[in-house]
PDB file of N, CA and C in Angstrom:
ATOM      1  N   MET A   1       9.495  17.107   0.737  1.00  0.00           N
ATOM      2  CA  MET A   1       9.491  17.244   1.984  1.00  0.00           C
ATOM      3  C   MET A   1       8.429  17.784   2.608  1.00  0.00           C
ATOM      4  N   ARG A   2       7.312  17.225   3.709  1.00  0.00           N
ATOM      5  CA  ARG A   2       6.474  17.951   3.752  1.00  0.00           C
ATOM      6  C   ARG A   2       6.229  17.451   5.454  1.00  0.00           C
ATOM      7  N   ILE A   3       5.741  18.761   5.802  1.00  0.00           N
ATOM      8  CA  ILE A   3       5.547  19.030   7.516  1.00  0.00           C
ATOM      9  C   ILE A   3       3.931  19.409   7.401  1.00  0.00           C
ATOM     10  N   TRP A   4       3.325  18.505   8.464  1.00  0.00           N
ATOM     11  CA  TRP A   4       1.627  18.841   9.480  1.00  0.00           C
ATOM     12  C   TRP A   4       2.333  19.809  10.707  1.00  0.00           C
ATOM     13  N   GLY A   5       1.555  20.492  10.432  1.00  0.00           N
ATOM     14  CA  GLY A   5       1.760  21.177  11.863  1.00  0.00           C
ATOM     15  C   GLY A   5       0.728  22.502  12.916  1.00  0.00           C
ATOM     16  N   LEU A   6       1.183  23.587  12.710  1.00  0.00           N
ATOM     17  CA  LEU A   6       0.305  24.856  13.588  1.00  0.00           C
ATOM     18  C   LEU A   6       1.120  25.520  13.195  1.00  0.00           C
ATOM     19  N   LYS A   7       0.795  26.978  12.414  1.00  0.00           N
ATOM     20  CA  LYS A   7       1.208  28.261  11.888  1.00  0.00           C
ATOM     21  C   LYS A   7       1.583  28.645  13.341  1.00  0.00           C
ATOM     22  N   SER A   8       0.666  28.362  14.214  1.00  0.00           N
ATOM     23  CA  SER A   8       0.577  29.273  15.521  1.00  0.00           C
ATOM     24  C   SER A   8       1.742  28.157  16.532  1.00  0.00           C
ATOM     25  N   CYS A   9       2.330  27.188  15.921  1.00  0.00           N
ATOM     26  CA  CYS A   9       3.278  26.267  17.181  1.00  0.00           C
ATOM     27  C   CYS A   9       5.092  26.894  17.131  1.00  0.00           C
ATOM     28  N   ASP A  10       4.764  27.273  18.130  1.00  0.00           N
ATOM     29  CA  ASP A  10       5.822  27.383  17.994  1.00  0.00           C
ATOM     30  C   ASP A  10       7.393  26.370  17.652  1.00  0.00           C
ATOM     31  N   THR A  11       7.265  24.519  18.039  1.00  0.00           N
ATOM     32  CA  THR A  11       7.982  23.853  17.713  1.00  0.00           C
ATOM     33  C   THR A  11       7.759  23.966  16.530  1.00  0.00           C
ATOM     34  N   CYS A  12       6.725  23.883  16.108  1.00  0.00           N
ATOM     35  CA  CYS A  12       7.263  23.663  14.312  1.00  0.00           C
ATOM     36  C   CYS A  12       6.924  24.789  13.474  1.00  0.00           C
ATOM     37  N   ARG A  13       7.455  26.136  14.059  1.00  0.00           N
ATOM     38  CA  ARG A  13       8.218  27.006  13.724  1.00  0.00           C
ATOM     39  C   ARG A  13       9.687  26.823  13.375  1.00  0.00           C
ATOM     40  N   LYS A  14      10.153  26.474  14.312  1.00  0.00           N
ATOM     41  CA  LYS A  14      11.094  26.257  14.723  1.00  0.00           C
ATOM     42  C   LYS A  14      12.005  24.820  13.671  1.00  0.00           C
ATOM     43  N   ALA A  15      11.528  24.097  13.649  1.00  0.00           N
ATOM     44  CA  ALA A  15      11.419  22.738  12.958  1.00  0.00           C
ATOM     45  C   ALA A  15      11.290  23.813  11.056  1.00  0.00           C
ATOM     46  N   VAL A  16      10.627  24.142  10.803  1.00  0.00           N
ATOM     47  CA  VAL A  16      10.694  24.946   9.890  1.00  0.00           C
ATOM     48  C   VAL A  16      11.301  25.602   9.608  1.00  0.00           C
ATOM     49  N   LYS A  17      12.128  26.302  10.152  1.00  0.00           N
ATOM     50  CA  LYS A  17      13.513  27.399  10.064  1.00  0.00           C
ATOM     51  C   LYS A  17      14.227  26.444   9.912  1.00  0.00           C
ATOM     52  N   GLU A  18      14.595  25.937  10.965  1.00  0.00           N
ATOM     53  CA  GLU A  18      15.764  24.935  10.761  1.00  0.00           C
ATOM     54  C   GLU A  18      15.999  23.652   9.938  1.00  0.00           C
ATOM     55  N   LEU A  19      14.903  23.208   8.882  1.00  0.00           N
ATOM     56  CA  LEU A  19      14.580  23.043   7.639  1.00  0.00           C
ATOM     57  C   LEU A  19      14.964  23.807   6.575  1.00  0.00           C
ATOM     58  N   THR A  20      14.833  24.618   6.915  1.00  0.00           N
ATOM     59  CA  THR A  20      14.519  25.813   4.927  1.00  0.00           C
ATOM     60  C   THR A  20      16.346  26.557   5.851  1.00  0.00           C
ATOM     61  N   GLY A  21      16.607  26.164   6.922  1.00  0.00           N
ATOM     62  CA  GLY A  21      17.765  27.131   6.651  1.00  0.00           C
ATOM     63  C   GLY A  21      19.097  25.372   6.631  1.00  0.00           C
ATOM     64  N   ALA A  22      18.547  24.390   6.815  1.00  0.00           N
ATOM     65  CA  ALA A  22      19.186  23.028   6.571  1.00  0.00           C
ATOM     66  C   ALA A  22      19.571  22.979   4.350  1.00  0.00           C
ATOM     67  N   GLY A  23      18.372  23.381   3.959  1.00  0.00           N
ATOM     68  CA  GLY A  23      18.391  23.470   2.422  1.00  0.00           C
ATOM     69  C   GLY A  23      17.018  22.652   1.931  1.00  0.00           C
ATOM     70  N   HIS A  24      16.386  22.814   3.003  1.00  0.00           N
ATOM     71  CA  HIS A  24      15.088  21.636   2.518  1.00  0.00           C
ATOM     72  C   HIS A  24      14.048  22.391   2.894  1.00  0.00           C
ATOM     73  N   GLU A  25      12.869  22.264   1.610  1.00  0.00           N
ATOM     74  CA  GLU A  25      11.849  23.254   1.134  1.00  0.00           C
ATOM     75  C   GLU A  25      10.916  22.640   1.659  1.00  0.00           C
ATOM     76  N   PRO A  26       9.953  21.933   3.068  1.00  0.00           N
ATOM     77  CA  PRO A  26       9.256  22.053   3.313  1.00  0.00           C
ATOM     78  C   PRO A  26       8.175  22.613   2.883  1.00  0.00           C
ATOM     79  N   ASP A  27       6.967  21.614   2.353  1.00  0.00           N
ATOM     80  CA  ASP A  27       5.301  22.165   2.235  1.00  0.00           C
ATOM     81  C   ASP A  27       4.709  22.313   3.259  1.00  0.00           C
ATOM     82  N   TYR A  28       4.393  23.091   3.765  1.00  0.00           N
ATOM     83  CA  TYR A  28       3.294  23.277   5.097  1.00  0.00           C
ATOM     84  C   TYR A  28       2.247  23.066   4.786  1.00  0.00           C
ATOM     85  N   VAL A  29       1.646  22.630   6.007  1.00  0.00           N
ATOM     86  CA  VAL A  29      -0.190  21.875   6.093  1.00  0.00           C
ATOM     87  C   VAL A  29      -0.058  21.867   7.215  1.00  0.00           C
ATOM     88  N   ASP A  30      -1.146  23.212   8.003  1.00  0.00           N
ATOM     89  CA  ASP A  30      -1.562  23.617   8.477  1.00  0.00           C
ATOM     90  C   ASP A  30      -2.635  22.159   8.866  1.00  0.00           C
ATOM     91  N   VAL A  31      -2.537  22.270   9.883  1.00  0.00           N
ATOM     92  CA  VAL A  31      -4.301  21.230  10.621  1.00  0.00           C
ATOM     93  C   VAL A  31      -5.331  21.590  10.919  1.00  0.00           C
ATOM     94  N   ARG A  32      -4.538  22.695  11.917  1.00  0.00           N
ATOM     95  CA  ARG A  32      -6.214  23.613  11.715  1.00  0.00           C
ATOM     96  C   ARG A  32      -6.966  24.348  10.840  1.00  0.00           C
ATOM     97  N   ALA A  33      -5.867  24.788   9.522  1.00  0.00           N
ATOM     98  CA  ALA A  33      -6.500  25.776   8.610  1.00  0.00           C
ATOM     99  C   ALA A  33      -6.338  24.680   6.987  1.00  0.00           C
ATOM    100  N   ASP A  34      -5.671  23.868   7.151  1.00  0.00           N
ATOM    101  CA  ASP A  34      -6.104  22.992   6.253  1.00  0.00           C
ATOM    102  C   ASP A  34      -6.077  21.707   6.181  1.00  0.00           C
ATOM    103  N   GLY A  35      -6.962  20.913   7.609  1.00  0.00           N
ATOM    104  CA  GLY A  35      -7.314  19.870   7.833  1.00  0.00           C
ATOM    105  C   GLY A  35      -5.903  18.515   7.214  1.00  0.00           C
ATOM    106  N   VAL A  36      -5.824  17.427   8.100  1.00  0.00           N
ATOM    107  CA  VAL A  36      -5.586  16.537   7.781  1.00  0.00           C
ATOM    108  C   VAL A  36      -6.762  15.113   6.553  1.00  0.00           C
ATOM    109  N   GLU A  37      -5.641  14.164   5.762  1.00  0.00           N
ATOM    110  CA  GLU A  37      -6.278  13.791   5.255  1.00  0.00           C
ATOM    111  C   GLU A  37      -6.662  12.634   5.947  1.00  0.00           C
ATOM    112  N   GLY A  38      -7.571  11.395   5.367  1.00  0.00           N
ATOM    113  CA  GLY A  38      -8.126  10.831   6.469  1.00  0.00           C
ATOM    114  C   GLY A  38      -6.927   9.637   5.958  1.00  0.00           C
ATOM    115  N   ALA A  39      -6.666   9.427   5.042  1.00  0.00           N
ATOM    116  CA  ALA A  39      -5.407   9.044   4.654  1.00  0.00           C
ATOM    117  C   ALA A  39      -4.460   9.275   5.191  1.00  0.00           C
ATOM    118  N   ASP A  40      -3.879  10.079   4.928  1.00  0.00           N
ATOM    119  CA  ASP A  40      -2.443  10.296   6.244  1.00  0.00           C
ATOM    120  C   ASP A  40      -2.324  10.079   7.426  1.00  0.00           C
ATOM    121  N   LEU A  41      -4.373  10.319   7.913  1.00  0.00           N
ATOM    122  CA  LEU A  41      -4.076  10.202   9.707  1.00  0.00           C
ATOM    123  C   LEU A  41      -4.421   8.865  10.215  1.00  0.00           C
ATOM    124  N   GLU A  42      -4.678   8.014   8.874  1.00  0.00           N
ATOM    125  CA  GLU A  42      -4.576   5.874   9.318  1.00  0.00           C
ATOM    126  C   GLU A  42      -3.058   6.032   9.568  1.00  0.00           C
ATOM    127  N   ARG A  43      -1.811   5.737   8.313  1.00  0.00           N
ATOM    128  CA  ARG A  43      -0.660   6.009   7.944  1.00  0.00           C
ATOM    129  C   ARG A  43       0.108   6.392   9.044  1.00  0.00           C
ATOM    130  N   PHE A  44      -0.270   7.591   9.932  1.00  0.00           N
ATOM    131  CA  PHE A  44      -0.109   9.027  10.449  1.00  0.00           C
ATOM    132  C   PHE A  44       0.504   7.435  12.131  1.00  0.00           C
ATOM    133  N   PHE A  45      -0.898   7.337  12.343  1.00  0.00           N
ATOM    134  CA  PHE A  45      -1.686   6.133  13.340  1.00  0.00           C
ATOM    135  C   PHE A  45      -0.240   5.361  13.461  1.00  0.00           C
ATOM    136  N   ALA A  46      -0.692   4.543  11.623  1.00  0.00           N
ATOM    137  CA  ALA A  46       0.146   2.495  11.929  1.00  0.00           C
ATOM    138  C   ALA A  46       1.333   2.965  12.255  1.00  0.00           C
ATOM    139  N   GLU A  47       1.999   4.226  11.952  1.00  0.00           N
ATOM    140  CA  GLU A  47       3.407   4.388  12.533  1.00  0.00           C
ATOM    141  C   GLU A  47       3.658   4.879  13.967  1.00  0.00           C
ATOM    142  N   PHE A  48       2.635   5.374  13.989  1.00  0.00           N
ATOM    143  CA  PHE A  48       2.853   6.418  15.729  1.00  0.00           C
ATOM    144  C   PHE A  48       2.176   5.979  16.967  1.00  0.00           C
ATOM    145  N   GLY A  49       1.053   5.011  16.630  1.00  0.00           N
ATOM    146  CA  GLY A  49       0.147   4.959  17.390  1.00  0.00           C
ATOM    147  C   GLY A  49      -0.482   5.599  18.248  1.00  0.00           C
ATOM    148  N   GLU A  50      -0.770   5.412  20.244  1.00  0.00           N
ATOM    149  CA  GLU A  50      -1.567   6.140  20.677  1.00  0.00           C
ATOM    150  C   GLU A  50      -0.423   8.265  20.496  1.00  0.00           C
ATOM    151  N   ALA A  51       1.245   7.501  20.086  1.00  0.00           N
ATOM    152  CA  ALA A  51       1.969   8.484  20.518  1.00  0.00           C
ATOM    153  C   ALA A  51       1.950   9.852  19.870  1.00  0.00           C
ATOM    154  N   LEU A  52       0.372   9.614  18.690  1.00  0.00           N
ATOM    155  CA  LEU A  52      -0.144  10.320  17.601  1.00  0.00           C
ATOM    156  C   LEU A  52      -0.944  11.348  18.703  1.00  0.00           C
ATOM    157  N   VAL A  53      -1.657  10.954  19.446  1.00  0.00           N
ATOM    158  CA  VAL A  53      -2.574  11.880  20.017  1.00  0.00           C
ATOM    159  C   VAL A  53      -2.024  12.846  21.120  1.00  0.00           C
ATOM    160  N   ASN A  54      -2.089  13.910  21.359  1.00  0.00           N
ATOM    161  CA  ASN A  54      -0.837  15.350  22.335  1.00  0.00           C
ATOM    162  C   ASN A  54      -2.347  14.748  23.554  1.00  0.00           C
ATOM    163  N   ARG A  55      -2.099  13.945  24.235  1.00  0.00           N
ATOM    164  CA  ARG A  55      -2.693  14.407  25.478  1.00  0.00           C
ATOM    165  C   ARG A  55      -2.730  15.388  26.606  1.00  0.00           C
ATOM    166  N   ARG A  56      -1.831  16.295  26.416  1.00  0.00           N
ATOM    167  CA  ARG A  56      -1.544  17.082  26.832  1.00  0.00           C
ATOM    168  C   ARG A  56      -2.029  18.349  26.494  1.00  0.00           C
ATOM    169  N   SER A  57      -2.139  18.924  25.394  1.00  0.00           N
ATOM    170  CA  SER A  57      -3.188  19.635  25.074  1.00  0.00           C
ATOM    171  C   SER A  57      -4.159  20.699  25.594  1.00  0.00           C
ATOM    172  N   THR A  58      -4.283  21.565  25.460  1.00  0.00           N
ATOM    173  CA  THR A  58      -5.665  22.125  26.021  1.00  0.00           C
ATOM    174  C   THR A  58      -6.723  21.769  25.011  1.00  0.00           C
ATOM    175  N   THR A  59      -6.573  20.863  23.699  1.00  0.00           N
ATOM    176  CA  THR A  59      -7.764  20.488  22.856  1.00  0.00           C
ATOM    177  C   THR A  59      -8.286  19.064  23.566  1.00  0.00           C
ATOM    178  N   TRP A  60      -6.923  18.973  24.410  1.00  0.00           N
ATOM    179  CA  TRP A  60      -7.606  16.962  25.088  1.00  0.00           C
ATOM    180  C   TRP A  60      -8.367  17.479  26.712  1.00  0.00           C
ATOM    181  N   ARG A  61      -7.975  18.553  26.704  1.00  0.00           N
ATOM    182  CA  ARG A  61      -8.528  18.937  28.431  1.00  0.00           C
ATOM    183  C   ARG A  61      -9.830  19.103  28.350  1.00  0.00           C
ATOM    184  N   GLY A  62     -10.687  19.766  27.122  1.00  0.00           N
ATOM    185  CA  GLY A  62     -11.669  19.926  27.048  1.00  0.00           C
ATOM    186  C   GLY A  62     -12.121  19.137  26.767  1.00  0.00           C
ATOM    187  N   LEU A  63     -12.198  18.161  26.199  1.00  0.00           N
ATOM    188  CA  LEU A  63     -12.859  17.151  25.490  1.00  0.00           C
ATOM    189  C   LEU A  63     -13.588  16.368  26.822  1.00  0.00           C
ATOM    190  N   SER A  64     -14.835  15.791  26.438  1.00  0.00           N
ATOM    191  CA  SER A  64     -15.102  14.830  27.805  1.00  0.00           C
ATOM    192  C   SER A  64     -14.661  13.942  27.580  1.00  0.00           C
ATOM    193  N   GLU A  65     -15.368  12.552  28.519  1.00  0.00           N
ATOM    194  CA  GLU A  65     -14.440  11.431  28.776  1.00  0.00           C
ATOM    195  C   GLU A  65     -15.026  10.462  26.963  1.00  0.00           C
ATOM    196  N   GLU A  66     -16.763  10.921  26.952  1.00  0.00           N
ATOM    197  CA  GLU A  66     -16.839  10.469  25.762  1.00  0.00           C
ATOM    198  C   GLU A  66     -15.796  10.515  24.695  1.00  0.00           C
ATOM    199  N   ASP A  67     -15.910  12.134  24.528  1.00  0.00           N
ATOM    200  CA  ASP A  67     -15.270  12.323  23.431  1.00  0.00           C
ATOM    201  C   ASP A  67     -13.132  11.636  23.489  1.00  0.00           C
ATOM    202  N   ARG A  68     -12.902  11.560  24.184  1.00  0.00           N
ATOM    203  CA  ARG A  68     -11.832  10.523  24.777  1.00  0.00           C
ATOM    204  C   ARG A  68     -11.456   9.321  24.243  1.00  0.00           C
ATOM    205  N   GLU A  69     -12.705   8.752  25.137  1.00  0.00           N
ATOM    206  CA  GLU A  69     -12.580   7.116  24.204  1.00  0.00           C
ATOM    207  C   GLU A  69     -13.430   6.794  22.663  1.00  0.00           C
ATOM    208  N   ARG A  70     -13.323   8.053  21.531  1.00  0.00           N
ATOM    209  CA  ARG A  70     -13.491   7.524  20.595  1.00  0.00           C
ATOM    210  C   ARG A  70     -12.033   7.078  20.075  1.00  0.00           C
ATOM    211  N   PRO A  71     -12.112   6.307  19.014  1.00  0.00           N
ATOM    212  CA  PRO A  71     -10.860   5.732  18.155  1.00  0.00           C
ATOM    213  C   PRO A  71      -9.986   6.602  17.801  1.00  0.00           C
ATOM    214  N   PRO A  72      -8.919   6.761  18.195  1.00  0.00           N
ATOM    215  CA  PRO A  72      -8.011   7.586  17.963  1.00  0.00           C
ATOM    216  C   PRO A  72      -8.286   8.447  16.946  1.00  0.00           C
ATOM    217  N   VAL A  73      -8.293   7.776  15.455  1.00  0.00           N
ATOM    218  CA  VAL A  73      -8.700   8.255  14.017  1.00  0.00           C
ATOM    219  C   VAL A  73      -9.642   9.179  14.224  1.00  0.00           C
ATOM    220  N   GLU A  74     -10.260   9.152  14.286  1.00  0.00           N
ATOM    221  CA  GLU A  74     -11.668   9.514  14.546  1.00  0.00           C
ATOM    222  C   GLU A  74     -11.540  10.349  15.238  1.00  0.00           C
ATOM    223  N   LEU A  75     -11.185  10.582  16.329  1.00  0.00           N
ATOM    224  CA  LEU A  75     -11.200  11.635  17.283  1.00  0.00           C
ATOM    225  C   LEU A  75     -10.230  12.721  16.553  1.00  0.00           C
ATOM    226  N   LEU A  76      -9.426  12.450  15.924  1.00  0.00           N
ATOM    227  CA  LEU A  76      -8.399  13.922  15.467  1.00  0.00           C
ATOM    228  C   LEU A  76      -8.806  14.073  14.024  1.00  0.00           C
ATOM    229  N   SER A  77      -9.777  12.615  13.022  1.00  0.00           N
ATOM    230  CA  SER A  77     -10.634  13.943  12.378  1.00  0.00           C
ATOM    231  C   SER A  77     -11.222  15.185  12.842  1.00  0.00           C
ATOM    232  N   ALA A  78     -12.004  14.865  13.912  1.00  0.00           N
ATOM    233  CA  ALA A  78     -13.131  15.401  14.199  1.00  0.00           C
ATOM    234  C   ALA A  78     -11.707  16.377  14.991  1.00  0.00           C
ATOM    235  N   HIS A  79     -10.934  16.952  15.089  1.00  0.00           N
ATOM    236  CA  HIS A  79      -9.953  17.650  16.376  1.00  0.00           C
ATOM    237  C   HIS A  79      -8.461  17.394  16.095  1.00  0.00           C
ATOM    238  N   PRO A  80      -8.301  18.073  14.902  1.00  0.00           N
ATOM    239  CA  PRO A  80      -6.935  17.597  14.549  1.00  0.00           C
ATOM    240  C   PRO A  80      -5.730  18.271  14.837  1.00  0.00           C
ATOM    241  N   THR A  81      -5.659  19.382  15.885  1.00  0.00           N
ATOM    242  CA  THR A  81      -4.691  20.351  16.939  1.00  0.00           C
ATOM    243  C   THR A  81      -4.411  19.465  18.107  1.00  0.00           C
ATOM    244  N   LEU A  82      -5.320  18.094  17.930  1.00  0.00           N
ATOM    245  CA  LEU A  82      -4.640  16.846  18.984  1.00  0.00           C
ATOM    246  C   LEU A  82      -3.738  16.158  18.574  1.00  0.00           C
ATOM    247  N   MET A  83      -3.478  16.564  17.592  1.00  0.00           N
ATOM    248  CA  MET A  83      -2.343  15.492  16.578  1.00  0.00           C
ATOM    249  C   MET A  83      -0.948  16.044  17.421  1.00  0.00           C
ATOM    250  N   LYS A  84      -0.143  15.358  17.998  1.00  0.00           N
ATOM    251  CA  LYS A  84       1.186  15.995  18.071  1.00  0.00           C
ATOM    252  C   LYS A  84       2.011  16.327  16.960  1.00  0.00           C
ATOM    253  N   ARG A  85       3.001  17.512  16.542  1.00  0.00           N
ATOM    254  CA  ARG A  85       3.196  18.060  15.639  1.00  0.00           C
ATOM    255  C   ARG A  85       4.902  18.608  16.276  1.00  0.00           C
ATOM    256  N   PRO A  86       5.487  18.791  14.573  1.00  0.00           N
ATOM    257  CA  PRO A  86       5.067  18.344  13.587  1.00  0.00           C
ATOM    258  C   PRO A  86       5.214  17.104  13.281  1.00  0.00           C
ATOM    259  N   VAL A  87       5.222  16.521  12.051  1.00  0.00           N
ATOM    260  CA  VAL A  87       5.390  15.322  11.533  1.00  0.00           C
ATOM    261  C   VAL A  87       5.408  15.486  10.074  1.00  0.00           C
ATOM    262  N   VAL A  88       6.563  15.319  10.421  1.00  0.00           N
ATOM    263  CA  VAL A  88       7.774  15.336   9.210  1.00  0.00           C
ATOM    264  C   VAL A  88       7.338  13.963   8.677  1.00  0.00           C
ATOM    265  N   GLU A  89       7.531  14.228   6.999  1.00  0.00           N
ATOM    266  CA  GLU A  89       7.761  13.275   6.156  1.00  0.00           C
ATOM    267  C   GLU A  89       8.680  13.273   4.704  1.00  0.00           C
ATOM    268  N   ALA A  90       9.286  12.305   4.373  1.00  0.00           N
ATOM    269  CA  ALA A  90      10.453  13.029   3.324  1.00  0.00           C
ATOM    270  C   ALA A  90      10.792  11.348   3.175  1.00  0.00           C
ATOM    271  N   GLY A  91      10.968  11.596   1.880  1.00  0.00           N
ATOM    272  CA  GLY A  91      11.787  10.058   1.343  1.00  0.00           C
ATOM    273  C   GLY A  91      10.789   8.779   1.854  1.00  0.00           C
ATOM    274  N   GLY A  92       9.895   8.684   2.160  1.00  0.00           N
ATOM    275  CA  GLY A  92       9.039   7.489   3.094  1.00  0.00           C
ATOM    276  C   GLY A  92       9.191   7.553   3.963  1.00  0.00           C
ATOM    277  N   VAL A  93      10.264   8.306   4.670  1.00  0.00           N
ATOM    278  CA  VAL A  93      10.640   8.610   6.074  1.00  0.00           C
ATOM    279  C   VAL A  93       9.238   9.469   7.024  1.00  0.00           C
ATOM    280  N   LEU A  94       8.455   9.059   8.188  1.00  0.00           N
ATOM    281  CA  LEU A  94       7.985   9.778   8.429  1.00  0.00           C
ATOM    282  C   LEU A  94       8.633   9.903  10.338  1.00  0.00           C
ATOM    283  N   THR A  95       8.594  11.244  10.859  1.00  0.00           N
ATOM    284  CA  THR A  95       8.521  11.379  12.255  1.00  0.00           C
ATOM    285  C   THR A  95       8.150  13.055  12.695  1.00  0.00           C
ATOM    286  N   LEU A  96       7.757  12.236  14.192  1.00  0.00           N
ATOM    287  CA  LEU A  96       6.744  12.785  14.869  1.00  0.00           C
ATOM    288  C   LEU A  96       7.682  13.888  15.869  1.00  0.00           C
ATOM    289  N   GLY A  97       7.327  14.597  16.206  1.00  0.00           N
ATOM    290  CA  GLY A  97       8.269  15.965  16.758  1.00  0.00           C
ATOM    291  C   GLY A  97       8.510  15.993  16.583  1.00  0.00           C
ATOM    292  N   TRP A  98       9.956  17.104  17.078  1.00  0.00           N
ATOM    293  CA  TRP A  98      10.679  17.912  17.125  1.00  0.00           C
ATOM    294  C   TRP A  98      11.952  17.792  18.073  1.00  0.00           C
ATOM    295  N   GLY A  99      12.010  16.540  18.281  1.00  0.00           N
ATOM    296  CA  GLY A  99      13.225  16.649  20.009  1.00  0.00           C
ATOM    297  C   GLY A  99      14.458  16.779  18.957  1.00  0.00           C
ATOM    298  N   ALA A 100      15.316  15.639  19.865  1.00  0.00           N
ATOM    299  CA  ALA A 100      16.971  15.778  19.205  1.00  0.00           C
ATOM    300  C   ALA A 100      17.400  14.785  18.550  1.00  0.00           C
ATOM    301  N   ASN A 101      16.678  13.437  18.498  1.00  0.00           N
ATOM    302  CA  ASN A 101      16.577  12.550  17.461  1.00  0.00           C
ATOM    303  C   ASN A 101      15.726  12.720  15.754  1.00  0.00           C
ATOM    304  N   GLU A 102      14.469  13.736  16.494  1.00  0.00           N
ATOM    305  CA  GLU A 102      13.870  13.912  14.832  1.00  0.00           C
ATOM    306  C   GLU A 102      15.323  15.099  13.636  1.00  0.00           C
ATOM    307  N   ARG A 103      15.305  15.925  15.290  1.00  0.00           N
ATOM    308  CA  ARG A 103      16.462  16.911  14.284  1.00  0.00           C
ATOM    309  C   ARG A 103      17.579  16.149  13.628  1.00  0.00           C
ATOM    310  N   ALA A 104      17.966  15.689  14.249  1.00  0.00           N
ATOM    311  CA  ALA A 104      19.384  14.626  14.220  1.00  0.00           C
ATOM    312  C   ALA A 104      19.474  13.696  12.879  1.00  0.00           C
ATOM    313  N   GLN A 105      17.830  13.582  12.218  1.00  0.00           N
ATOM    314  CA  GLN A 105      17.045  12.361  11.465  1.00  0.00           C
ATOM    315  C   GLN A 105      17.401  13.582  10.079  1.00  0.00           C
ATOM    316  N   TRP A 106      16.796  15.130  10.072  1.00  0.00           N
ATOM    317  CA  TRP A 106      16.764  15.658   9.228  1.00  0.00           C
ATOM    318  C   TRP A 106      17.829  16.241   8.855  1.00  0.00           C
ATOM    319  N   LEU A 107      18.392  17.125  10.177  1.00  0.00           N
ATOM    320  CA  LEU A 107      19.110  18.297   9.800  1.00  0.00           C
ATOM    321  C   LEU A 107      20.875  18.012   9.922  1.00  0.00           C
ATOM    322  N   ASP A 108      20.846  15.980   9.882  1.00  0.00           N
ATOM    323  CA  ASP A 108      22.375  15.944   9.792  1.00  0.00           C
ATOM    324  C   ASP A 108      22.421  15.086   8.764  1.00  0.00           C
ATOM    325  N   LYS A 109      21.775  14.869   7.895  1.00  0.00           N
ATOM    326  CA  LYS A 109      21.778  13.980   6.663  1.00  0.00           C
ATOM    327  C   LYS A 109      20.617  14.499   5.298  1.00  0.00           C
ATOM    328  N   SER A 110      20.925  14.436   4.076  1.00  0.00           N
ATOM    329  CA  SER A 110      20.360  14.717   3.476  1.00  0.00           C
ATOM    330  C   SER A 110      19.189  13.227   2.922  1.00  0.00           C
ATOM    331  N   VAL A 111      17.991  13.644   3.241  1.00  0.00           N
ATOM    332  CA  VAL A 111      16.607  12.951   2.831  1.00  0.00           C
ATOM    333  C   VAL A 111      16.639  12.928   1.711  1.00  0.00           C
TER     334      VAL A 111
END
């Protein structure tokens, strides 16, 4: 299992804690410190589309209109903290965020 997120993000920390408590051993990728591979961004965008870009983030609010017009994968490559998080992957399954559906997906069954 692999998780992409920010170590400073409360939601990401909660996800890691709950997943570890459920017996998973997540491999954590901090998008700010470690970056996100281009191929991973392409896969995430193919799976989640525009939902991958967090338009409520402080990073988004700090972007110029010109930057906001860039293609999403290019924008996320330049500003990985714009990615909605966490992205969790295991067994060929990807989820975005840590809402009730994602928690049920990873905590209520073994993946």
